[in-house]
Amino acid sequence: MGLRLLPQLCRVGYEDSAIFHLNRMDTQRLIEEGSSKSVKDGAGHSNIVLVGLPGAGKSSVGKRLAARLGLPFADADAEIEAAAGMSIADIFAAHGEPAFREGEERVIARLMREGPMVIATGGGAFMSEATRSAIKQHGISVWLDASTEVLLSRIVKRSHRPLFHGVDPRQKLLDLRAARDPVFAKATLRIASSAGPHDRVVNRIINALRAQGHLSRTRLGQKPC
C-alpha cells in the first residue's frame, strides 16, 4: 500500500492535501512548472536545499541559515509527517520505505515550487533522480558532510530514525556512507559540518555561496558572517 492511499492525506485546509495522490508523471510536471528564477540575484529568488546523511545537522543549520538570509525554512520530513498525519517511523512501519520515498519526492517537488526558501531534506531524499533534477533546476544543493564520529554521536541520542532501528548504528552508518556519499558529491556545494556550534556551519555556507556568486551582501542584513 502506497502513501497515496492514506485517508489522512485528504484533510481539508492542507495546501497540498493531494500531493501523495500524484503519479510519477505528475511529479515531473510539478518540477517542470516550478519557479525558474535564479538564486544569483541575492540568493533570495530560489531555494537553498541542504542534503546529507542523518545527523549532519540539516534541520538545525537550515533554521539558522534561513534566519540569516531572511528566507522561510521548511523541513521536508516535517512536511511529510504533516501531510500523512503520522510519523515517518510509522509510515515506514505501515507502508515501507519505497512508499515513503515516493511521497517524499512529491512533497519536495511542492516545496521547490513554493520557494524561495531554505529546505532541509531527509537523509535519503537526494538519492532520488527526480529530486536531484528539481533541485538542480530550481535551487542550490548544499551537502553537509560530517565525519562518521560526529554523525554517530548525534544519531545515538535520538530514536526517531527508522533506518537505525534494530541495527548496529555504526555499521548502518558506514553502509549508508558507502552508498550515498558518491551521490551527495553531485551537490553544488560541499560544506564541512563539524561538532562545533551550528552557526559556524552557517557561516561556511554563506561564505561559499557568496564566493560562487550566489549571494549578495545585501541579503545578510546587519549580522556579519
C-alpha atoms as a PDB file:
ATOM      1  CA  MET A   1       0.000   0.000   0.000  1.00  0.00           C
ATOM      2  CA  GLY A   2       1.425   3.359  -1.003  1.00  0.00           C
ATOM      3  CA  LEU A   3       1.089   6.614   0.867  1.00  0.00           C
ATOM      4  CA  ARG A   4      -1.334   7.927  -1.743  1.00  0.00           C
ATOM      5  CA  LEU A   5      -3.979   5.597  -0.255  1.00  0.00           C
ATOM      6  CA  LEU A   6      -3.839   7.028   3.247  1.00  0.00           C
ATOM      7  CA  PRO A   7      -7.143   8.784   4.078  1.00  0.00           C
ATOM      8  CA  GLN A   8      -5.383  11.237   6.404  1.00  0.00           C
ATOM      9  CA  LEU A   9      -3.752  12.899   3.403  1.00  0.00           C
ATOM     10  CA  CYS A  10      -7.064  14.340   2.251  1.00  0.00           C
ATOM     11  CA  ARG A  11      -7.569  16.587   5.250  1.00  0.00           C
ATOM     12  CA  VAL A  12      -9.268  19.890   4.410  1.00  0.00           C
ATOM     13  CA  GLY A  13      -7.127  23.010   4.582  1.00  0.00           C
ATOM     14  CA  TYR A  14      -3.737  21.445   3.929  1.00  0.00           C
ATOM     15  CA  GLU A  15      -2.418  23.185   0.810  1.00  0.00           C
ATOM     16  CA  ASP A  16      -1.019  20.048  -0.769  1.00  0.00           C
ATOM     17  CA  SER A  17      -3.621  17.607   0.590  1.00  0.00           C
ATOM     18  CA  ALA A  18      -3.482  15.587  -2.637  1.00  0.00           C
ATOM     19  CA  ILE A  19       0.284  15.678  -3.023  1.00  0.00           C
ATOM     20  CA  PHE A  20       0.714  11.966  -2.302  1.00  0.00           C
ATOM     21  CA  HIS A  21      -2.003  11.033  -4.807  1.00  0.00           C
ATOM     22  CA  LEU A  22       0.136  12.061  -7.771  1.00  0.00           C
ATOM     23  CA  ASN A  23       1.847   9.586 -10.032  1.00  0.00           C
ATOM     24  CA  ARG A  24       5.411   9.958 -11.250  1.00  0.00           C
ATOM     25  CA  MET A  25       4.346  11.858 -14.398  1.00  0.00           C
ATOM     26  CA  ASP A  26       2.535  14.362 -12.178  1.00  0.00           C
ATOM     27  CA  THR A  27       5.656  14.715 -10.044  1.00  0.00           C
ATOM     28  CA  GLN A  28       7.764  15.588 -13.082  1.00  0.00           C
ATOM     29  CA  ARG A  29       5.113  18.086 -14.199  1.00  0.00           C
ATOM     30  CA  LEU A  30       5.292  19.810 -10.798  1.00  0.00           C
ATOM     31  CA  ILE A  31       9.059  20.018 -11.154  1.00  0.00           C
ATOM     32  CA  GLU A  32       8.839  21.491 -14.652  1.00  0.00           C
ATOM     33  CA  GLU A  33       6.200  24.027 -13.593  1.00  0.00           C
ATOM     34  CA  GLY A  34       8.267  25.249 -10.629  1.00  0.00           C
ATOM     35  CA  SER A  35       9.848  28.653 -10.481  1.00  0.00           C
ATOM     36  CA  SER A  36      12.896  29.012 -12.720  1.00  0.00           C
ATOM     37  CA  LYS A  37      14.177  32.133 -11.007  1.00  0.00           C
ATOM     38  CA  SER A  38      17.856  32.198 -10.226  1.00  0.00           C
ATOM     39  CA  VAL A  39      19.405  32.283  -6.790  1.00  0.00           C
ATOM     40  CA  LYS A  40      22.112  34.518  -8.153  1.00  0.00           C
ATOM     41  CA  ASP A  41      20.078  37.699  -7.548  1.00  0.00           C
ATOM     42  CA  GLY A  42      20.845  37.785  -3.850  1.00  0.00           C
ATOM     43  CA  ALA A  43      20.069  34.115  -3.081  1.00  0.00           C
ATOM     44  CA  GLY A  44      16.526  35.249  -2.476  1.00  0.00           C
ATOM     45  CA  HIS A  45      14.797  34.080  -5.636  1.00  0.00           C
ATOM     46  CA  SER A  46      15.107  30.331  -5.398  1.00  0.00           C
ATOM     47  CA  ASN A  47      15.786  27.542  -2.959  1.00  0.00           C
ATOM     48  CA  ILE A  48      18.811  26.537  -0.916  1.00  0.00           C
ATOM     49  CA  VAL A  49      18.499  22.822  -0.255  1.00  0.00           C
ATOM     50  CA  LEU A  50      20.521  21.078   2.445  1.00  0.00           C
ATOM     51  CA  VAL A  51      21.343  17.431   1.840  1.00  0.00           C
ATOM     52  CA  GLY A  52      23.421  14.887   3.719  1.00  0.00           C
ATOM     53  CA  LEU A  53      23.337  11.826   5.925  1.00  0.00           C
ATOM     54  CA  PRO A  54      21.191  11.555   9.061  1.00  0.00           C
ATOM     55  CA  GLY A  55      22.799  13.559  11.839  1.00  0.00           C
ATOM     56  CA  ALA A  56      24.543  16.037   9.543  1.00  0.00           C
ATOM     57  CA  GLY A  57      22.615  18.916  11.126  1.00  0.00           C
ATOM     58  CA  LYS A  58      20.439  19.840   8.163  1.00  0.00           C
ATOM     59  CA  SER A  59      17.437  20.985  10.187  1.00  0.00           C
ATOM     60  CA  SER A  60      19.361  22.872  12.864  1.00  0.00           C
ATOM     61  CA  VAL A  61      21.658  24.540  10.352  1.00  0.00           C
ATOM     62  CA  GLY A  62      18.788  25.195   7.952  1.00  0.00           C
ATOM     63  CA  LYS A  63      16.772  27.142  10.508  1.00  0.00           C
ATOM     64  CA  ARG A  64      19.737  29.353  11.315  1.00  0.00           C
ATOM     65  CA  LEU A  65      20.656  29.828   7.656  1.00  0.00           C
ATOM     66  CA  ALA A  66      17.106  30.834   6.767  1.00  0.00           C
ATOM     67  CA  ALA A  67      17.077  33.386   9.579  1.00  0.00           C
ATOM     68  CA  ARG A  68      20.364  34.864   8.392  1.00  0.00           C
ATOM     69  CA  LEU A  69      19.133  35.138   4.807  1.00  0.00           C
ATOM     70  CA  GLY A  70      15.642  36.350   5.665  1.00  0.00           C
ATOM     71  CA  LEU A  71      14.044  33.348   3.949  1.00  0.00           C
ATOM     72  CA  PRO A  72      11.361  30.889   5.080  1.00  0.00           C
ATOM     73  CA  PHE A  73      12.508  27.493   6.313  1.00  0.00           C
ATOM     74  CA  ALA A  74      10.950  24.109   5.560  1.00  0.00           C
ATOM     75  CA  ASP A  75      11.854  20.712   6.950  1.00  0.00           C
ATOM     76  CA  ALA A  76      10.863  18.142   4.331  1.00  0.00           C
ATOM     77  CA  ASP A  77      10.427  15.360   6.898  1.00  0.00           C
ATOM     78  CA  ALA A  78       8.105  17.529   8.982  1.00  0.00           C
ATOM     79  CA  GLU A  79       6.111  18.408   5.867  1.00  0.00           C
ATOM     80  CA  ILE A  80       5.742  14.715   5.030  1.00  0.00           C
ATOM     81  CA  GLU A  81       4.521  13.947   8.542  1.00  0.00           C
ATOM     82  CA  ALA A  82       2.011  16.802   8.349  1.00  0.00           C
ATOM     83  CA  ALA A  83       0.694  15.559   5.001  1.00  0.00           C
ATOM     84  CA  ALA A  84       0.464  11.936   6.142  1.00  0.00           C
ATOM     85  CA  GLY A  85      -0.813  12.641   9.634  1.00  0.00           C
ATOM     86  CA  MET A  86       1.694  10.175  11.063  1.00  0.00           C
ATOM     87  CA  SER A  87       5.354   9.995  11.968  1.00  0.00           C
ATOM     88  CA  ILE A  88       7.981   8.878   9.493  1.00  0.00           C
ATOM     89  CA  ALA A  89       8.711   5.849  11.666  1.00  0.00           C
ATOM     90  CA  ASP A  90       5.022   4.886  11.480  1.00  0.00           C
ATOM     91  CA  ILE A  91       4.996   5.446   7.700  1.00  0.00           C
ATOM     92  CA  PHE A  92       7.979   3.111   7.330  1.00  0.00           C
ATOM     93  CA  ALA A  93       6.352   0.502   9.568  1.00  0.00           C
ATOM     94  CA  ALA A  94       2.938   0.626   7.911  1.00  0.00           C
ATOM     95  CA  HIS A  95       3.827   1.186   4.258  1.00  0.00           C
ATOM     96  CA  GLY A  96       7.541   0.542   3.782  1.00  0.00           C
ATOM     97  CA  GLU A  97      10.423   2.685   2.588  1.00  0.00           C
ATOM     98  CA  PRO A  98       9.561   2.662  -1.169  1.00  0.00           C
ATOM     99  CA  ALA A  99       6.139   4.195  -0.489  1.00  0.00           C
ATOM    100  CA  PHE A 100       7.727   6.786   1.784  1.00  0.00           C
ATOM    101  CA  ARG A 101      10.288   7.721  -0.882  1.00  0.00           C
ATOM    102  CA  GLU A 102       7.578   8.253  -3.494  1.00  0.00           C
ATOM    103  CA  GLY A 103       5.717  10.604  -1.180  1.00  0.00           C
ATOM    104  CA  GLU A 104       8.966  12.345  -0.291  1.00  0.00           C
ATOM    105  CA  GLU A 105       9.614  13.153  -3.954  1.00  0.00           C
ATOM    106  CA  ARG A 106       6.215  14.799  -4.288  1.00  0.00           C
ATOM    107  CA  VAL A 107       6.448  16.859  -1.139  1.00  0.00           C
ATOM    108  CA  ILE A 108       9.891  18.171  -2.117  1.00  0.00           C
ATOM    109  CA  ALA A 109       8.596  18.995  -5.614  1.00  0.00           C
ATOM    110  CA  ARG A 110       5.860  21.055  -3.956  1.00  0.00           C
ATOM    111  CA  LEU A 111       8.318  22.840  -1.678  1.00  0.00           C
ATOM    112  CA  MET A 112      10.511  23.723  -4.664  1.00  0.00           C
ATOM    113  CA  ARG A 113       7.522  25.399  -6.306  1.00  0.00           C
ATOM    114  CA  GLU A 114       6.746  27.390  -3.173  1.00  0.00           C
ATOM    115  CA  GLY A 115      10.219  28.919  -2.801  1.00  0.00           C
ATOM    116  CA  PRO A 116      12.327  30.845  -2.336  1.00  0.00           C
ATOM    117  CA  MET A 117      13.184  29.128   0.929  1.00  0.00           C
ATOM    118  CA  VAL A 118      15.795  27.081   2.755  1.00  0.00           C
ATOM    119  CA  ILE A 119      14.857  23.396   2.729  1.00  0.00           C
ATOM    120  CA  ALA A 120      16.275  20.637   4.927  1.00  0.00           C
ATOM    121  CA  THR A 121      15.791  17.255   3.291  1.00  0.00           C
ATOM    122  CA  GLY A 122      15.784  13.767   4.758  1.00  0.00           C
ATOM    123  CA  GLY A 123      18.937  11.697   4.629  1.00  0.00           C
ATOM    124  CA  GLY A 124      17.832   9.684   1.599  1.00  0.00           C
ATOM    125  CA  ALA A 125      15.985  12.339  -0.397  1.00  0.00           C
ATOM    126  CA  PHE A 126      18.911  13.285  -2.633  1.00  0.00           C
ATOM    127  CA  MET A 127      19.177   9.678  -3.842  1.00  0.00           C
ATOM    128  CA  SER A 128      16.084  10.300  -5.979  1.00  0.00           C
ATOM    129  CA  GLU A 129      16.942  11.351  -9.518  1.00  0.00           C
ATOM    130  CA  ALA A 130      13.657  13.283  -9.718  1.00  0.00           C
ATOM    131  CA  THR A 131      14.501  15.220  -6.568  1.00  0.00           C
ATOM    132  CA  ARG A 132      18.041  15.972  -7.759  1.00  0.00           C
ATOM    133  CA  SER A 133      16.593  17.254 -11.029  1.00  0.00           C
ATOM    134  CA  ALA A 134      14.137  19.508  -9.224  1.00  0.00           C
ATOM    135  CA  ILE A 135      16.865  20.946  -7.020  1.00  0.00           C
ATOM    136  CA  LYS A 136      19.210  21.481  -9.960  1.00  0.00           C
ATOM    137  CA  GLN A 137      16.531  23.372 -11.885  1.00  0.00           C
ATOM    138  CA  HIS A 138      15.198  25.490  -9.058  1.00  0.00           C
ATOM    139  CA  GLY A 139      17.814  25.767  -6.357  1.00  0.00           C
ATOM    140  CA  ILE A 140      21.277  25.165  -4.998  1.00  0.00           C
ATOM    141  CA  SER A 141      22.134  21.908  -3.252  1.00  0.00           C
ATOM    142  CA  VAL A 142      24.428  22.065  -0.225  1.00  0.00           C
ATOM    143  CA  TRP A 143      25.931  18.823   1.084  1.00  0.00           C
ATOM    144  CA  LEU A 144      26.581  18.968   4.820  1.00  0.00           C
ATOM    145  CA  ASP A 145      29.383  16.451   5.180  1.00  0.00           C
ATOM    146  CA  ALA A 146      30.174  15.361   8.725  1.00  0.00           C
ATOM    147  CA  SER A 147      32.604  12.764   9.991  1.00  0.00           C
ATOM    148  CA  THR A 148      31.329   9.339  10.933  1.00  0.00           C
ATOM    149  CA  GLU A 149      32.021  10.025  14.615  1.00  0.00           C
ATOM    150  CA  VAL A 150      30.048  13.273  14.568  1.00  0.00           C
ATOM    151  CA  LEU A 151      27.133  11.628  12.797  1.00  0.00           C
ATOM    152  CA  LEU A 152      27.150   8.671  15.169  1.00  0.00           C
ATOM    153  CA  SER A 153      27.229  10.873  18.262  1.00  0.00           C
ATOM    154  CA  ARG A 154      24.086  12.637  17.065  1.00  0.00           C
ATOM    155  CA  ILE A 155      22.228   9.564  15.823  1.00  0.00           C
ATOM    156  CA  VAL A 156      22.508   7.615  19.076  1.00  0.00           C
ATOM    157  CA  LYS A 157      20.961  10.497  21.002  1.00  0.00           C
ATOM    158  CA  ARG A 158      17.638  10.239  19.170  1.00  0.00           C
ATOM    159  CA  SER A 159      15.371   7.311  18.361  1.00  0.00           C
ATOM    160  CA  HIS A 160      13.160   8.764  15.615  1.00  0.00           C
ATOM    161  CA  ARG A 161      15.199   7.499  12.631  1.00  0.00           C
ATOM    162  CA  PRO A 162      13.628   4.249  11.366  1.00  0.00           C
ATOM    163  CA  LEU A 163      16.680   3.174   9.337  1.00  0.00           C
ATOM    164  CA  PHE A 164      18.611   2.767  12.602  1.00  0.00           C
ATOM    165  CA  HIS A 165      16.038   0.738  14.488  1.00  0.00           C
ATOM    166  CA  GLY A 166      17.246  -2.715  15.497  1.00  0.00           C
ATOM    167  CA  VAL A 167      20.639  -2.472  13.795  1.00  0.00           C
ATOM    168  CA  ASP A 168      24.206  -1.637  14.738  1.00  0.00           C
ATOM    169  CA  PRO A 169      24.207   2.131  14.193  1.00  0.00           C
ATOM    170  CA  ARG A 170      27.885   2.387  13.275  1.00  0.00           C
ATOM    171  CA  GLN A 171      27.711  -0.336  10.655  1.00  0.00           C
ATOM    172  CA  LYS A 172      24.465   1.042   9.252  1.00  0.00           C
ATOM    173  CA  LEU A 173      26.019   4.473   9.026  1.00  0.00           C
ATOM    174  CA  LEU A 174      29.089   3.103   7.238  1.00  0.00           C
ATOM    175  CA  ASP A 175      26.832   1.276   4.789  1.00  0.00           C
ATOM    176  CA  LEU A 176      24.877   4.461   4.120  1.00  0.00           C
ATOM    177  CA  ARG A 177      28.086   6.430   3.582  1.00  0.00           C
ATOM    178  CA  ALA A 178      29.322   3.930   1.021  1.00  0.00           C
ATOM    179  CA  ALA A 179      26.066   4.089  -0.908  1.00  0.00           C
ATOM    180  CA  ARG A 180      25.151   7.759  -0.558  1.00  0.00           C
ATOM    181  CA  ASP A 181      28.334   9.821  -0.351  1.00  0.00           C
ATOM    182  CA  PRO A 182      29.068   9.428  -4.103  1.00  0.00           C
ATOM    183  CA  VAL A 183      25.613  10.847  -4.826  1.00  0.00           C
ATOM    184  CA  PHE A 184      25.933  13.669  -2.299  1.00  0.00           C
ATOM    185  CA  ALA A 185      29.146  14.589  -4.119  1.00  0.00           C
ATOM    186  CA  LYS A 186      26.940  15.777  -7.002  1.00  0.00           C
ATOM    187  CA  ALA A 187      25.678  18.672  -4.863  1.00  0.00           C
ATOM    188  CA  THR A 188      26.567  22.228  -5.831  1.00  0.00           C
ATOM    189  CA  LEU A 189      28.449  22.853  -2.593  1.00  0.00           C
ATOM    190  CA  ARG A 190      30.150  20.609  -0.055  1.00  0.00           C
ATOM    191  CA  ILE A 191      30.360  22.071   3.440  1.00  0.00           C
ATOM    192  CA  ALA A 192      32.024  20.509   6.472  1.00  0.00           C
ATOM    193  CA  SER A 193      29.539  20.010   9.301  1.00  0.00           C
ATOM    194  CA  SER A 194      31.610  19.859  12.456  1.00  0.00           C
ATOM    195  CA  ALA A 195      30.784  19.144  16.081  1.00  0.00           C
ATOM    196  CA  GLY A 196      31.036  22.829  16.995  1.00  0.00           C
ATOM    197  CA  PRO A 197      28.326  25.489  17.002  1.00  0.00           C
ATOM    198  CA  HIS A 198      25.867  25.301  14.109  1.00  0.00           C
ATOM    199  CA  ASP A 199      26.421  28.992  13.394  1.00  0.00           C
ATOM    200  CA  ARG A 200      29.935  28.084  12.309  1.00  0.00           C
ATOM    201  CA  VAL A 201      28.487  25.839   9.611  1.00  0.00           C
ATOM    202  CA  VAL A 202      26.049  28.582   8.604  1.00  0.00           C
ATOM    203  CA  ASN A 203      28.979  30.945   8.143  1.00  0.00           C
ATOM    204  CA  ARG A 204      30.710  28.430   5.889  1.00  0.00           C
ATOM    205  CA  ILE A 205      27.627  28.073   3.731  1.00  0.00           C
ATOM    206  CA  ILE A 206      27.143  31.810   3.383  1.00  0.00           C
ATOM    207  CA  ASN A 207      30.788  32.366   2.525  1.00  0.00           C
ATOM    208  CA  ALA A 208      30.706  29.580  -0.065  1.00  0.00           C
ATOM    209  CA  LEU A 209      27.504  30.906  -1.632  1.00  0.00           C
ATOM    210  CA  ARG A 210      28.991  34.363  -1.811  1.00  0.00           C
ATOM    211  CA  ALA A 211      32.284  33.114  -3.260  1.00  0.00           C
ATOM    212  CA  GLN A 212      30.423  31.427  -6.118  1.00  0.00           C
ATOM    213  CA  GLY A 213      28.322  34.497  -6.839  1.00  0.00           C
ATOM    214  CA  HIS A 214      25.075  33.094  -5.481  1.00  0.00           C
ATOM    215  CA  LEU A 215      24.742  35.566  -2.651  1.00  0.00           C
ATOM    216  CA  SER A 216      24.887  39.321  -2.365  1.00  0.00           C
ATOM    217  CA  ARG A 217      25.935  41.017   0.849  1.00  0.00           C
ATOM    218  CA  THR A 218      22.612  42.859   0.953  1.00  0.00           C
ATOM    219  CA  ARG A 219      20.836  39.582   1.765  1.00  0.00           C
ATOM    220  CA  LEU A 220      22.590  39.271   5.087  1.00  0.00           C
ATOM    221  CA  GLY A 221      21.090  42.235   6.887  1.00  0.00           C
ATOM    222  CA  GLN A 222      23.070  43.549   9.825  1.00  0.00           C
ATOM    223  CA  LYS A 223      24.635  40.308  11.001  1.00  0.00           C
ATOM    224  CA  PRO A 224      28.119  39.725   9.599  1.00  0.00           C
ATOM    225  CA  CYS A 225      29.381  36.250   8.718  1.00  0.00           C
END
